[in-house]
């Protein structure tokens, strides 16, 4: 039984899908299935019910899941304690990233972190905010980017950014090629959005309710790349932060208008668990995130502002964040 098999098992169980877990981990689905089969063979039982809709835990699989969660959390705590005794960042920092964040920040973070700290490395785990929060709580992530972080009382935000939201349409679209678009005009058009419990979907619906109207969610897709492709193909509009569509806008595939009357934004937090220490590598990455966010906001790639500066709230955190 290998540690990575246990990590793979947890990922499949959380996402209830071999294909989604394979994409998040970054391995081929057949390879992931093979690891899980080897684990089941060693245990002498099936851990998942498999069907065309995904994978769910068997009764014995659930019992095994509870035990493995505890083991992985203890290993994470031991790794953090050992690494915290050293001044030089080493080991791996596992970061949870929502797909709406876009690739620009993450690519730059990995590149600059590797250059600055060659003895440490970043591993990215993609998921929606609630999934990232669950993984942080279980000790399988070191830090993460989470939308509306105040919802999760067991997490602490070490940085907060208020992201401006845009109505996104295909290139050349009459509405989204304008600089701004009133929110009331948005509700008259079909929206392609993530399904609940997406915080993005919830925020849009809440603003519509405050204005005494309702948004029209015609297509629900839990995949940001798929949502963007549907918009490119003319299936409707979507609402995203600029960082998520910056590349497609520059390539002439999408256009985006800032939402006004009212302006719509949502808080994005860089979060860590309330309990537990931070490794040297994690603290250094938090510092680097602050630098990168400042640069991306300055050049217009990331449209938003830093709204909360919480450096010093914990003695084991080193945070040099930009502020307005």
C-alpha atoms as a PDB file:
ATOM      1  CA  UNK A   1       0.000   0.000   0.000  1.00  0.00           C
ATOM      2  CA  UNK A   2       1.552   3.268  -1.136  1.00  0.00           C
ATOM      3  CA  UNK A   3       0.958   6.775   0.178  1.00  0.00           C
ATOM      4  CA  UNK A   4       0.047   8.049  -3.274  1.00  0.00           C
ATOM      5  CA  UNK A   5      -2.602   5.331  -3.599  1.00  0.00           C
ATOM      6  CA  UNK A   6      -4.216   6.619  -0.410  1.00  0.00           C
ATOM      7  CA  UNK A   7      -4.092  10.186  -1.728  1.00  0.00           C
ATOM      8  CA  UNK A   8      -5.598   9.084  -5.037  1.00  0.00           C
ATOM      9  CA  UNK A   9      -8.332   7.177  -3.201  1.00  0.00           C
ATOM     10  CA  UNK A  10      -9.310  10.268  -1.196  1.00  0.00           C
ATOM     11  CA  UNK A  11      -9.391  12.430  -4.329  1.00  0.00           C
ATOM     12  CA  UNK A  12     -11.729  10.025  -6.168  1.00  0.00           C
ATOM     13  CA  UNK A  13     -13.961   9.766  -3.099  1.00  0.00           C
ATOM     14  CA  UNK A  14     -14.197  13.539  -2.716  1.00  0.00           C
ATOM     15  CA  UNK A  15     -14.895  14.243  -6.382  1.00  0.00           C
ATOM     16  CA  UNK A  16     -17.035  11.110  -6.908  1.00  0.00           C
ATOM     17  CA  UNK A  17     -15.441  10.732 -10.318  1.00  0.00           C
ATOM     18  CA  UNK A  18     -12.348   8.999 -11.693  1.00  0.00           C
ATOM     19  CA  UNK A  19     -12.108  11.416 -14.618  1.00  0.00           C
ATOM     20  CA  UNK A  20     -12.300  14.536 -12.440  1.00  0.00           C
ATOM     21  CA  UNK A  21      -9.824  13.107  -9.947  1.00  0.00           C
ATOM     22  CA  UNK A  22      -7.391  12.213 -12.726  1.00  0.00           C
ATOM     23  CA  UNK A  23      -7.569  15.759 -14.101  1.00  0.00           C
ATOM     24  CA  UNK A  24      -7.038  17.274 -10.651  1.00  0.00           C
ATOM     25  CA  UNK A  25      -4.107  14.994  -9.796  1.00  0.00           C
ATOM     26  CA  UNK A  26      -2.566  15.303 -13.248  1.00  0.00           C
ATOM     27  CA  UNK A  27      -2.363  11.659 -14.306  1.00  0.00           C
ATOM     28  CA  UNK A  28      -4.102   9.593 -16.961  1.00  0.00           C
ATOM     29  CA  UNK A  29      -7.441   8.103 -15.928  1.00  0.00           C
ATOM     30  CA  UNK A  30      -6.388   4.489 -16.746  1.00  0.00           C
ATOM     31  CA  UNK A  31      -3.358   4.912 -14.479  1.00  0.00           C
ATOM     32  CA  UNK A  32      -5.537   6.237 -11.660  1.00  0.00           C
ATOM     33  CA  UNK A  33      -8.002   3.360 -12.078  1.00  0.00           C
ATOM     34  CA  UNK A  34      -5.123   0.900 -11.955  1.00  0.00           C
ATOM     35  CA  UNK A  35      -3.852   2.338  -8.652  1.00  0.00           C
ATOM     36  CA  UNK A  36      -7.314   2.089  -7.093  1.00  0.00           C
ATOM     37  CA  UNK A  37      -7.751  -1.479  -8.342  1.00  0.00           C
ATOM     38  CA  UNK A  38      -4.410  -2.451  -6.787  1.00  0.00           C
ATOM     39  CA  UNK A  39      -5.512  -0.895  -3.513  1.00  0.00           C
ATOM     40  CA  UNK A  40      -8.830  -2.758  -3.624  1.00  0.00           C
ATOM     41  CA  UNK A  41      -7.033  -6.007  -4.418  1.00  0.00           C
ATOM     42  CA  UNK A  42      -4.730  -5.562  -1.427  1.00  0.00           C
ATOM     43  CA  UNK A  43      -7.691  -4.828   0.859  1.00  0.00           C
ATOM     44  CA  UNK A  44      -9.760  -7.622  -0.630  1.00  0.00           C
ATOM     45  CA  UNK A  45     -12.869  -5.521  -1.208  1.00  0.00           C
ATOM     46  CA  UNK A  46     -14.393  -2.971  -3.566  1.00  0.00           C
ATOM     47  CA  UNK A  47     -14.072   0.589  -2.292  1.00  0.00           C
ATOM     48  CA  UNK A  48     -16.343   2.195  -4.907  1.00  0.00           C
ATOM     49  CA  UNK A  49     -19.591   1.574  -6.698  1.00  0.00           C
ATOM     50  CA  UNK A  50     -18.827   2.461 -10.315  1.00  0.00           C
ATOM     51  CA  UNK A  51     -21.429   3.461 -12.885  1.00  0.00           C
ATOM     52  CA  UNK A  52     -21.782   5.794 -15.835  1.00  0.00           C
ATOM     53  CA  UNK A  53     -22.474   8.751 -13.545  1.00  0.00           C
ATOM     54  CA  UNK A  54     -19.354   8.449 -11.419  1.00  0.00           C
ATOM     55  CA  UNK A  55     -18.038   6.624  -8.353  1.00  0.00           C
ATOM     56  CA  UNK A  56     -19.479   6.448  -4.826  1.00  0.00           C
ATOM     57  CA  UNK A  57     -18.026   4.811  -1.746  1.00  0.00           C
ATOM     58  CA  UNK A  58     -19.188   1.403  -0.590  1.00  0.00           C
ATOM     59  CA  UNK A  59     -19.889   0.927   3.115  1.00  0.00           C
ATOM     60  CA  UNK A  60     -16.402  -0.508   3.645  1.00  0.00           C
ATOM     61  CA  UNK A  61     -14.999   2.203   1.412  1.00  0.00           C
ATOM     62  CA  UNK A  62     -16.494   4.863   3.720  1.00  0.00           C
ATOM     63  CA  UNK A  63     -14.918   3.226   6.774  1.00  0.00           C
ATOM     64  CA  UNK A  64     -11.567   3.118   5.000  1.00  0.00           C
ATOM     65  CA  UNK A  65     -11.996   6.765   3.934  1.00  0.00           C
ATOM     66  CA  UNK A  66     -12.456   7.899   7.548  1.00  0.00           C
ATOM     67  CA  UNK A  67      -9.278   6.081   8.634  1.00  0.00           C
ATOM     68  CA  UNK A  68      -7.205   7.362   5.716  1.00  0.00           C
ATOM     69  CA  UNK A  69      -8.323  10.953   6.351  1.00  0.00           C
ATOM     70  CA  UNK A  70      -6.904  10.732   9.875  1.00  0.00           C
ATOM     71  CA  UNK A  71      -3.646   9.198   8.683  1.00  0.00           C
ATOM     72  CA  UNK A  72      -3.054  11.825   6.000  1.00  0.00           C
ATOM     73  CA  UNK A  73      -3.804  14.647   8.442  1.00  0.00           C
ATOM     74  CA  UNK A  74      -1.260  13.267  10.928  1.00  0.00           C
ATOM     75  CA  UNK A  75       1.357  12.952   8.189  1.00  0.00           C
ATOM     76  CA  UNK A  76       0.701  16.535   7.104  1.00  0.00           C
ATOM     77  CA  UNK A  77       1.139  17.795  10.670  1.00  0.00           C
ATOM     78  CA  UNK A  78       4.379  15.850  11.078  1.00  0.00           C
ATOM     79  CA  UNK A  79       5.757  17.219   7.793  1.00  0.00           C
ATOM     80  CA  UNK A  80       4.901  20.779   8.782  1.00  0.00           C
ATOM     81  CA  UNK A  81       6.574  20.430  12.187  1.00  0.00           C
ATOM     82  CA  UNK A  82       9.783  19.083  10.683  1.00  0.00           C
ATOM     83  CA  UNK A  83       9.966  21.652   7.894  1.00  0.00           C
ATOM     84  CA  UNK A  84       9.221  24.528  10.264  1.00  0.00           C
ATOM     85  CA  UNK A  85      12.504  23.882  12.093  1.00  0.00           C
ATOM     86  CA  UNK A  86      14.467  24.865   8.990  1.00  0.00           C
ATOM     87  CA  UNK A  87      14.992  28.312   7.536  1.00  0.00           C
ATOM     88  CA  UNK A  88      15.412  27.103   3.950  1.00  0.00           C
ATOM     89  CA  UNK A  89      12.144  26.212   2.158  1.00  0.00           C
ATOM     90  CA  UNK A  90      12.106  22.522   1.263  1.00  0.00           C
ATOM     91  CA  UNK A  91       9.575  19.910   0.312  1.00  0.00           C
ATOM     92  CA  UNK A  92       6.237  20.370  -1.368  1.00  0.00           C
ATOM     93  CA  UNK A  93       3.549  23.019  -0.944  1.00  0.00           C
ATOM     94  CA  UNK A  94       0.125  21.830  -2.071  1.00  0.00           C
ATOM     95  CA  UNK A  95      -2.109  24.689  -3.196  1.00  0.00           C
ATOM     96  CA  UNK A  96      -5.832  24.541  -3.871  1.00  0.00           C
ATOM     97  CA  UNK A  97      -6.865  26.676  -6.841  1.00  0.00           C
ATOM     98  CA  UNK A  98     -10.388  27.318  -8.203  1.00  0.00           C
ATOM     99  CA  UNK A  99     -10.722  27.119 -12.001  1.00  0.00           C
ATOM    100  CA  UNK A 100     -12.128  30.680 -12.157  1.00  0.00           C
ATOM    101  CA  UNK A 101      -8.776  32.052 -11.090  1.00  0.00           C
ATOM    102  CA  UNK A 102      -7.230  31.447 -14.485  1.00  0.00           C
ATOM    103  CA  UNK A 103      -3.764  30.156 -15.303  1.00  0.00           C
ATOM    104  CA  UNK A 104      -1.813  33.412 -15.362  1.00  0.00           C
ATOM    105  CA  UNK A 105      -1.220  33.680 -11.626  1.00  0.00           C
ATOM    106  CA  UNK A 106      -0.489  29.995 -11.103  1.00  0.00           C
ATOM    107  CA  UNK A 107       1.983  29.688 -13.974  1.00  0.00           C
ATOM    108  CA  UNK A 108       3.909  32.702 -12.743  1.00  0.00           C
ATOM    109  CA  UNK A 109       3.828  31.481  -9.134  1.00  0.00           C
ATOM    110  CA  UNK A 110       5.260  28.095 -10.031  1.00  0.00           C
ATOM    111  CA  UNK A 111       7.957  29.637 -12.206  1.00  0.00           C
ATOM    112  CA  UNK A 112       9.089  32.285  -9.719  1.00  0.00           C
ATOM    113  CA  UNK A 113       8.837  29.981  -6.706  1.00  0.00           C
ATOM    114  CA  UNK A 114      11.007  27.362  -8.421  1.00  0.00           C
ATOM    115  CA  UNK A 115      13.588  29.973  -9.367  1.00  0.00           C
ATOM    116  CA  UNK A 116      13.696  31.484  -5.888  1.00  0.00           C
ATOM    117  CA  UNK A 117      13.478  28.274  -3.854  1.00  0.00           C
ATOM    118  CA  UNK A 118      14.948  25.366  -5.876  1.00  0.00           C
ATOM    119  CA  UNK A 119      14.716  22.940  -2.934  1.00  0.00           C
ATOM    120  CA  UNK A 120      10.943  23.279  -2.727  1.00  0.00           C
ATOM    121  CA  UNK A 121       8.132  22.850  -5.221  1.00  0.00           C
ATOM    122  CA  UNK A 122       4.461  23.670  -5.695  1.00  0.00           C
ATOM    123  CA  UNK A 123       1.764  21.110  -6.456  1.00  0.00           C
ATOM    124  CA  UNK A 124      -1.592  22.464  -7.608  1.00  0.00           C
ATOM    125  CA  UNK A 125      -4.903  20.810  -6.739  1.00  0.00           C
ATOM    126  CA  UNK A 126      -7.813  22.287  -8.691  1.00  0.00           C
ATOM    127  CA  UNK A 127     -11.341  22.399  -7.357  1.00  0.00           C
ATOM    128  CA  UNK A 128     -14.253  24.640  -6.522  1.00  0.00           C
ATOM    129  CA  UNK A 129     -14.103  26.631  -3.288  1.00  0.00           C
ATOM    130  CA  UNK A 130     -16.074  24.167  -1.169  1.00  0.00           C
ATOM    131  CA  UNK A 131     -13.824  21.314  -2.340  1.00  0.00           C
ATOM    132  CA  UNK A 132     -10.671  23.273  -1.560  1.00  0.00           C
ATOM    133  CA  UNK A 133     -12.047  24.164   1.880  1.00  0.00           C
ATOM    134  CA  UNK A 134     -12.745  20.499   2.625  1.00  0.00           C
ATOM    135  CA  UNK A 135      -9.234  19.469   1.557  1.00  0.00           C
ATOM    136  CA  UNK A 136      -7.669  22.175   3.711  1.00  0.00           C
ATOM    137  CA  UNK A 137      -9.727  21.082   6.689  1.00  0.00           C
ATOM    138  CA  UNK A 138      -8.621  17.486   6.117  1.00  0.00           C
ATOM    139  CA  UNK A 139      -4.955  18.496   5.957  1.00  0.00           C
ATOM    140  CA  UNK A 140      -4.442  17.565   2.329  1.00  0.00           C
ATOM    141  CA  UNK A 141      -3.605  21.123   1.257  1.00  0.00           C
ATOM    142  CA  UNK A 142      -1.188  23.656   2.733  1.00  0.00           C
ATOM    143  CA  UNK A 143      -3.073  26.722   1.526  1.00  0.00           C
ATOM    144  CA  UNK A 144      -5.712  27.587  -1.004  1.00  0.00           C
ATOM    145  CA  UNK A 145      -7.615  30.264  -2.875  1.00  0.00           C
ATOM    146  CA  UNK A 146     -11.249  30.263  -1.742  1.00  0.00           C
ATOM    147  CA  UNK A 147     -14.129  32.520  -2.774  1.00  0.00           C
ATOM    148  CA  UNK A 148     -16.257  33.949   0.048  1.00  0.00           C
ATOM    149  CA  UNK A 149     -13.848  32.613   2.689  1.00  0.00           C
ATOM    150  CA  UNK A 150     -15.962  33.931   5.570  1.00  0.00           C
ATOM    151  CA  UNK A 151     -18.290  30.977   5.023  1.00  0.00           C
ATOM    152  CA  UNK A 152     -15.625  28.585   6.308  1.00  0.00           C
ATOM    153  CA  UNK A 153     -15.023  29.194  10.013  1.00  0.00           C
ATOM    154  CA  UNK A 154     -12.215  26.638  10.203  1.00  0.00           C
ATOM    155  CA  UNK A 155     -10.123  28.622   7.698  1.00  0.00           C
ATOM    156  CA  UNK A 156      -8.217  31.871   8.160  1.00  0.00           C
ATOM    157  CA  UNK A 157      -7.686  34.344   5.333  1.00  0.00           C
ATOM    158  CA  UNK A 158      -4.137  35.681   5.191  1.00  0.00           C
ATOM    159  CA  UNK A 159      -4.984  37.835   2.182  1.00  0.00           C
ATOM    160  CA  UNK A 160      -8.204  39.117   0.647  1.00  0.00           C
ATOM    161  CA  UNK A 161      -8.844  40.391  -2.862  1.00  0.00           C
ATOM    162  CA  UNK A 162     -12.156  41.815  -4.063  1.00  0.00           C
ATOM    163  CA  UNK A 163     -12.467  40.593  -7.655  1.00  0.00           C
ATOM    164  CA  UNK A 164     -14.506  42.623 -10.129  1.00  0.00           C
ATOM    165  CA  UNK A 165     -16.926  40.498 -12.159  1.00  0.00           C
ATOM    166  CA  UNK A 166     -17.572  40.797 -15.896  1.00  0.00           C
ATOM    167  CA  UNK A 167     -20.288  39.707 -18.286  1.00  0.00           C
ATOM    168  CA  UNK A 168     -18.487  37.529 -20.834  1.00  0.00           C
ATOM    169  CA  UNK A 169     -19.646  36.926 -24.401  1.00  0.00           C
ATOM    170  CA  UNK A 170     -18.171  35.810 -27.710  1.00  0.00           C
ATOM    171  CA  UNK A 171     -15.756  38.078 -29.538  1.00  0.00           C
ATOM    172  CA  UNK A 172     -17.513  40.932 -31.319  1.00  0.00           C
ATOM    173  CA  UNK A 173     -20.708  40.609 -29.280  1.00  0.00           C
ATOM    174  CA  UNK A 174     -22.645  43.875 -29.144  1.00  0.00           C
ATOM    175  CA  UNK A 175     -23.203  43.789 -25.386  1.00  0.00           C
ATOM    176  CA  UNK A 176     -19.845  42.591 -24.124  1.00  0.00           C
ATOM    177  CA  UNK A 177     -17.673  44.688 -26.425  1.00  0.00           C
ATOM    178  CA  UNK A 178     -18.911  47.742 -24.494  1.00  0.00           C
ATOM    179  CA  UNK A 179     -16.861  48.895 -21.517  1.00  0.00           C
ATOM    180  CA  UNK A 180     -19.691  48.281 -19.048  1.00  0.00           C
ATOM    181  CA  UNK A 181     -23.076  46.600 -18.887  1.00  0.00           C
ATOM    182  CA  UNK A 182     -25.905  47.279 -16.361  1.00  0.00           C
ATOM    183  CA  UNK A 183     -26.821  44.277 -14.251  1.00  0.00           C
ATOM    184  CA  UNK A 184     -30.497  44.579 -15.229  1.00  0.00           C
ATOM    185  CA  UNK A 185     -29.546  43.948 -18.857  1.00  0.00           C
ATOM    186  CA  UNK A 186     -27.777  40.754 -17.859  1.00  0.00           C
ATOM    187  CA  UNK A 187     -30.915  39.057 -16.527  1.00  0.00           C
ATOM    188  CA  UNK A 188     -32.557  39.364 -19.934  1.00  0.00           C
ATOM    189  CA  UNK A 189     -30.006  37.013 -21.491  1.00  0.00           C
ATOM    190  CA  UNK A 190     -29.230  33.295 -21.047  1.00  0.00           C
ATOM    191  CA  UNK A 191     -26.356  32.553 -18.676  1.00  0.00           C
ATOM    192  CA  UNK A 192     -24.003  29.568 -18.779  1.00  0.00           C
ATOM    193  CA  UNK A 193     -22.889  29.091 -15.177  1.00  0.00           C
ATOM    194  CA  UNK A 194     -21.556  26.498 -12.733  1.00  0.00           C
ATOM    195  CA  UNK A 195     -24.153  24.505 -10.831  1.00  0.00           C
ATOM    196  CA  UNK A 196     -24.810  24.986  -7.121  1.00  0.00           C
ATOM    197  CA  UNK A 197     -23.121  25.178  -4.639  1.00  0.00           C
ATOM    198  CA  UNK A 198     -20.940  27.475  -6.752  1.00  0.00           C
ATOM    199  CA  UNK A 199     -20.364  30.769  -4.910  1.00  0.00           C
ATOM    200  CA  UNK A 200     -20.316  32.561  -8.271  1.00  0.00           C
ATOM    201  CA  UNK A 201     -23.779  31.308  -9.165  1.00  0.00           C
ATOM    202  CA  UNK A 202     -25.057  32.132  -5.678  1.00  0.00           C
ATOM    203  CA  UNK A 203     -23.718  35.691  -5.793  1.00  0.00           C
ATOM    204  CA  UNK A 204     -25.302  36.436  -9.181  1.00  0.00           C
ATOM    205  CA  UNK A 205     -28.646  35.049  -8.040  1.00  0.00           C
ATOM    206  CA  UNK A 206     -28.468  37.093  -4.823  1.00  0.00           C
ATOM    207  CA  UNK A 207     -27.852  40.378  -6.651  1.00  0.00           C
ATOM    208  CA  UNK A 208     -30.737  39.632  -9.002  1.00  0.00           C
ATOM    209  CA  UNK A 209     -33.044  38.986  -6.042  1.00  0.00           C
ATOM    210  CA  UNK A 210     -32.016  42.277  -4.434  1.00  0.00           C
ATOM    211  CA  UNK A 211     -33.078  44.037  -7.632  1.00  0.00           C
ATOM    212  CA  UNK A 212     -36.428  42.260  -7.643  1.00  0.00           C
ATOM    213  CA  UNK A 213     -35.689  40.080 -10.661  1.00  0.00           C
ATOM    214  CA  UNK A 214     -34.212  36.667 -11.485  1.00  0.00           C
ATOM    215  CA  UNK A 215     -31.258  35.546 -13.552  1.00  0.00           C
ATOM    216  CA  UNK A 216     -31.792  32.982 -16.316  1.00  0.00           C
ATOM    217  CA  UNK A 217     -29.409  30.039 -15.911  1.00  0.00           C
ATOM    218  CA  UNK A 218     -29.999  28.082 -19.111  1.00  0.00           C
ATOM    219  CA  UNK A 219     -26.917  25.845 -18.984  1.00  0.00           C
ATOM    220  CA  UNK A 220     -25.209  24.521 -15.845  1.00  0.00           C
ATOM    221  CA  UNK A 221     -21.687  23.159 -16.270  1.00  0.00           C
ATOM    222  CA  UNK A 222     -19.167  22.444 -13.506  1.00  0.00           C
ATOM    223  CA  UNK A 223     -16.201  23.148 -15.769  1.00  0.00           C
ATOM    224  CA  UNK A 224     -14.832  26.624 -16.443  1.00  0.00           C
ATOM    225  CA  UNK A 225     -13.065  25.575 -19.698  1.00  0.00           C
ATOM    226  CA  UNK A 226     -16.352  24.079 -20.930  1.00  0.00           C
ATOM    227  CA  UNK A 227     -18.277  27.215 -19.931  1.00  0.00           C
ATOM    228  CA  UNK A 228     -15.854  29.422 -21.851  1.00  0.00           C
ATOM    229  CA  UNK A 229     -16.070  27.187 -24.934  1.00  0.00           C
ATOM    230  CA  UNK A 230     -19.871  27.267 -24.831  1.00  0.00           C
ATOM    231  CA  UNK A 231     -19.788  31.067 -24.720  1.00  0.00           C
ATOM    232  CA  UNK A 232     -17.315  31.137 -27.623  1.00  0.00           C
ATOM    233  CA  UNK A 233     -19.742  28.912 -29.551  1.00  0.00           C
ATOM    234  CA  UNK A 234     -22.652  31.291 -28.859  1.00  0.00           C
ATOM    235  CA  UNK A 235     -24.595  29.218 -26.316  1.00  0.00           C
ATOM    236  CA  UNK A 236     -25.040  32.212 -24.021  1.00  0.00           C
ATOM    237  CA  UNK A 237     -23.144  34.539 -21.708  1.00  0.00           C
ATOM    238  CA  UNK A 238     -21.311  33.866 -18.483  1.00  0.00           C
ATOM    239  CA  UNK A 239     -20.044  35.901 -15.536  1.00  0.00           C
ATOM    240  CA  UNK A 240     -16.416  35.577 -14.496  1.00  0.00           C
ATOM    241  CA  UNK A 241     -13.536  37.598 -13.079  1.00  0.00           C
ATOM    242  CA  UNK A 242     -11.214  39.051 -15.704  1.00  0.00           C
ATOM    243  CA  UNK A 243      -8.316  36.821 -14.674  1.00  0.00           C
ATOM    244  CA  UNK A 244     -10.303  33.773 -15.796  1.00  0.00           C
ATOM    245  CA  UNK A 245     -10.734  35.047 -19.360  1.00  0.00           C
ATOM    246  CA  UNK A 246      -7.735  37.329 -19.836  1.00  0.00           C
ATOM    247  CA  UNK A 247      -6.022  34.931 -22.262  1.00  0.00           C
ATOM    248  CA  UNK A 248      -9.146  34.351 -24.387  1.00  0.00           C
ATOM    249  CA  UNK A 249      -9.843  38.092 -24.582  1.00  0.00           C
ATOM    250  CA  UNK A 250      -6.288  38.790 -25.740  1.00  0.00           C
ATOM    251  CA  UNK A 251      -6.594  36.021 -28.365  1.00  0.00           C
ATOM    252  CA  UNK A 252      -9.836  37.485 -29.710  1.00  0.00           C
ATOM    253  CA  UNK A 253     -12.044  34.574 -28.629  1.00  0.00           C
ATOM    254  CA  UNK A 254     -14.101  36.311 -25.939  1.00  0.00           C
ATOM    255  CA  UNK A 255     -15.119  39.841 -24.986  1.00  0.00           C
ATOM    256  CA  UNK A 256     -16.017  41.140 -21.538  1.00  0.00           C
ATOM    257  CA  UNK A 257     -17.899  44.135 -20.119  1.00  0.00           C
ATOM    258  CA  UNK A 258     -17.596  45.208 -16.493  1.00  0.00           C
ATOM    259  CA  UNK A 259     -20.900  44.857 -14.643  1.00  0.00           C
ATOM    260  CA  UNK A 260     -22.305  48.096 -13.199  1.00  0.00           C
ATOM    261  CA  UNK A 261     -25.494  49.410 -11.559  1.00  0.00           C
ATOM    262  CA  UNK A 262     -24.687  47.711  -9.295  1.00  0.00           C
ATOM    263  CA  UNK A 263     -21.076  46.703  -9.710  1.00  0.00           C
ATOM    264  CA  UNK A 264     -20.677  43.039  -8.793  1.00  0.00           C
ATOM    265  CA  UNK A 265     -17.606  41.660  -7.090  1.00  0.00           C
ATOM    266  CA  UNK A 266     -16.757  38.872  -4.699  1.00  0.00           C
ATOM    267  CA  UNK A 267     -14.012  38.293  -2.143  1.00  0.00           C
ATOM    268  CA  UNK A 268     -11.234  35.843  -2.861  1.00  0.00           C
ATOM    269  CA  UNK A 269      -9.161  34.763   0.108  1.00  0.00           C
ATOM    270  CA  UNK A 270      -5.775  33.132   0.335  1.00  0.00           C
ATOM    271  CA  UNK A 271      -6.581  30.828   3.234  1.00  0.00           C
ATOM    272  CA  UNK A 272      -4.925  28.407   5.628  1.00  0.00           C
ATOM    273  CA  UNK A 273      -6.379  26.226   8.387  1.00  0.00           C
ATOM    274  CA  UNK A 274      -7.023  28.068  11.652  1.00  0.00           C
ATOM    275  CA  UNK A 275      -5.237  25.331  13.571  1.00  0.00           C
ATOM    276  CA  UNK A 276      -1.775  24.049  12.762  1.00  0.00           C
ATOM    277  CA  UNK A 277       1.539  25.652  11.839  1.00  0.00           C
ATOM    278  CA  UNK A 278       2.799  26.724   8.446  1.00  0.00           C
ATOM    279  CA  UNK A 279       5.968  25.325   6.921  1.00  0.00           C
ATOM    280  CA  UNK A 280       8.739  27.664   5.814  1.00  0.00           C
ATOM    281  CA  UNK A 281       7.907  26.891   2.177  1.00  0.00           C
ATOM    282  CA  UNK A 282       4.242  27.762   2.728  1.00  0.00           C
ATOM    283  CA  UNK A 283       5.116  31.083   4.365  1.00  0.00           C
ATOM    284  CA  UNK A 284       7.452  31.975   1.510  1.00  0.00           C
ATOM    285  CA  UNK A 285       4.766  31.116  -1.020  1.00  0.00           C
ATOM    286  CA  UNK A 286       2.285  33.377   0.784  1.00  0.00           C
ATOM    287  CA  UNK A 287       4.769  36.234   0.457  1.00  0.00           C
ATOM    288  CA  UNK A 288       5.234  35.504  -3.241  1.00  0.00           C
ATOM    289  CA  UNK A 289       1.464  35.426  -3.823  1.00  0.00           C
ATOM    290  CA  UNK A 290       1.281  38.951  -2.435  1.00  0.00           C
ATOM    291  CA  UNK A 291       3.939  40.099  -4.906  1.00  0.00           C
ATOM    292  CA  UNK A 292       2.269  38.425  -7.869  1.00  0.00           C
ATOM    293  CA  UNK A 293      -1.191  39.759  -7.066  1.00  0.00           C
ATOM    294  CA  UNK A 294       0.187  43.291  -6.829  1.00  0.00           C
ATOM    295  CA  UNK A 295       1.868  42.941 -10.238  1.00  0.00           C
ATOM    296  CA  UNK A 296      -1.195  41.446 -11.941  1.00  0.00           C
ATOM    297  CA  UNK A 297      -3.515  44.131 -10.574  1.00  0.00           C
ATOM    298  CA  UNK A 298      -1.048  46.829 -11.648  1.00  0.00           C
ATOM    299  CA  UNK A 299      -0.905  45.636 -15.272  1.00  0.00           C
ATOM    300  CA  UNK A 300      -4.673  45.068 -15.542  1.00  0.00           C
ATOM    301  CA  UNK A 301      -4.554  41.283 -15.926  1.00  0.00           C
ATOM    302  CA  UNK A 302      -6.339  40.870 -12.594  1.00  0.00           C
ATOM    303  CA  UNK A 303      -9.082  43.463 -12.111  1.00  0.00           C
ATOM    304  CA  UNK A 304      -9.736  43.952  -8.437  1.00  0.00           C
ATOM    305  CA  UNK A 305      -8.244  45.346  -5.266  1.00  0.00           C
ATOM    306  CA  UNK A 306      -6.734  44.123  -2.037  1.00  0.00           C
ATOM    307  CA  UNK A 307      -9.301  44.855   0.643  1.00  0.00           C
ATOM    308  CA  UNK A 308      -7.917  43.246   3.770  1.00  0.00           C
ATOM    309  CA  UNK A 309      -4.440  43.070   5.135  1.00  0.00           C
ATOM    310  CA  UNK A 310      -4.067  40.522   7.919  1.00  0.00           C
ATOM    311  CA  UNK A 311      -0.309  40.228   8.330  1.00  0.00           C
ATOM    312  CA  UNK A 312       0.640  39.581  11.902  1.00  0.00           C
ATOM    313  CA  UNK A 313      -2.524  37.798  12.985  1.00  0.00           C
ATOM    314  CA  UNK A 314      -0.490  34.631  13.434  1.00  0.00           C
ATOM    315  CA  UNK A 315       3.094  34.439  14.628  1.00  0.00           C
ATOM    316  CA  UNK A 316       3.960  31.698  12.143  1.00  0.00           C
ATOM    317  CA  UNK A 317       2.776  33.685   9.115  1.00  0.00           C
ATOM    318  CA  UNK A 318       4.999  35.955   7.079  1.00  0.00           C
ATOM    319  CA  UNK A 319       2.865  38.130   4.853  1.00  0.00           C
ATOM    320  CA  UNK A 320       3.953  41.105   2.789  1.00  0.00           C
ATOM    321  CA  UNK A 321       0.774  41.912   0.928  1.00  0.00           C
ATOM    322  CA  UNK A 322      -0.004  44.817  -1.345  1.00  0.00           C
ATOM    323  CA  UNK A 323      -2.613  47.298  -0.188  1.00  0.00           C
ATOM    324  CA  UNK A 324      -4.316  50.238  -1.777  1.00  0.00           C
END
